[in-house]
Amino acid sequence: MKKPEIGDLIEIKTNIGLAYAQYTHYHEVYGALIRVFNRIYRDRPEFMRAITNDRIRFSVFFPLKAALKKKIVEIVGHEAVKEDLREFPLFRAGVVDPSTQKVAVWWLWDGEKEWKIGQLDANQSKLPIRGVWNDTLLIQRIEAGWTPENDPTS
């Protein structure tokens, strides 16, 4: 099995079609960071570079190496990471209150340090939510059209 490399394009089979993501960063604690593109395809595009012109729906840490080994996802191409995606993204994080199913106090995290902000403003609600998802959750969220700003914990 080929070791995943930054820039690899990942194909994710869903019940609504083929989704694509790009592996853009590796974090020592959280592992592979993938950026999932917005568009869903019926068939694999002939030109993989076109995928990277799409907007990013969300970013998430994902056990990429294990998913590749189990053939849950597949590397279907490799493209340089676009300049606007090269910087490690700012994430938000918080603990969900079981009684409200909401996060009352949010924190921001830049990959190294974390700071408390309390409530989110409109721009911060678009930030990715820090976490590692398995393939089941990844596919469910792609199929549901999930984005960070429509997450019910916000």
Foldseek 3Di string as FASTA:
>chain_A
DDDDDQQFKKWAQAPVAIWIWGFHDQAPPLGTKIFTFQDGDNDDDPDPVVRLVGDTQAIAREPVVVCVVVVNMHGDDGDPRDPVRNQQFKAKEADQDVVQRAGQWIWIDRSPDIGTDGDDDPVRQQHHHYDYDYSVVVRVCSVVSDGSNPDPRD
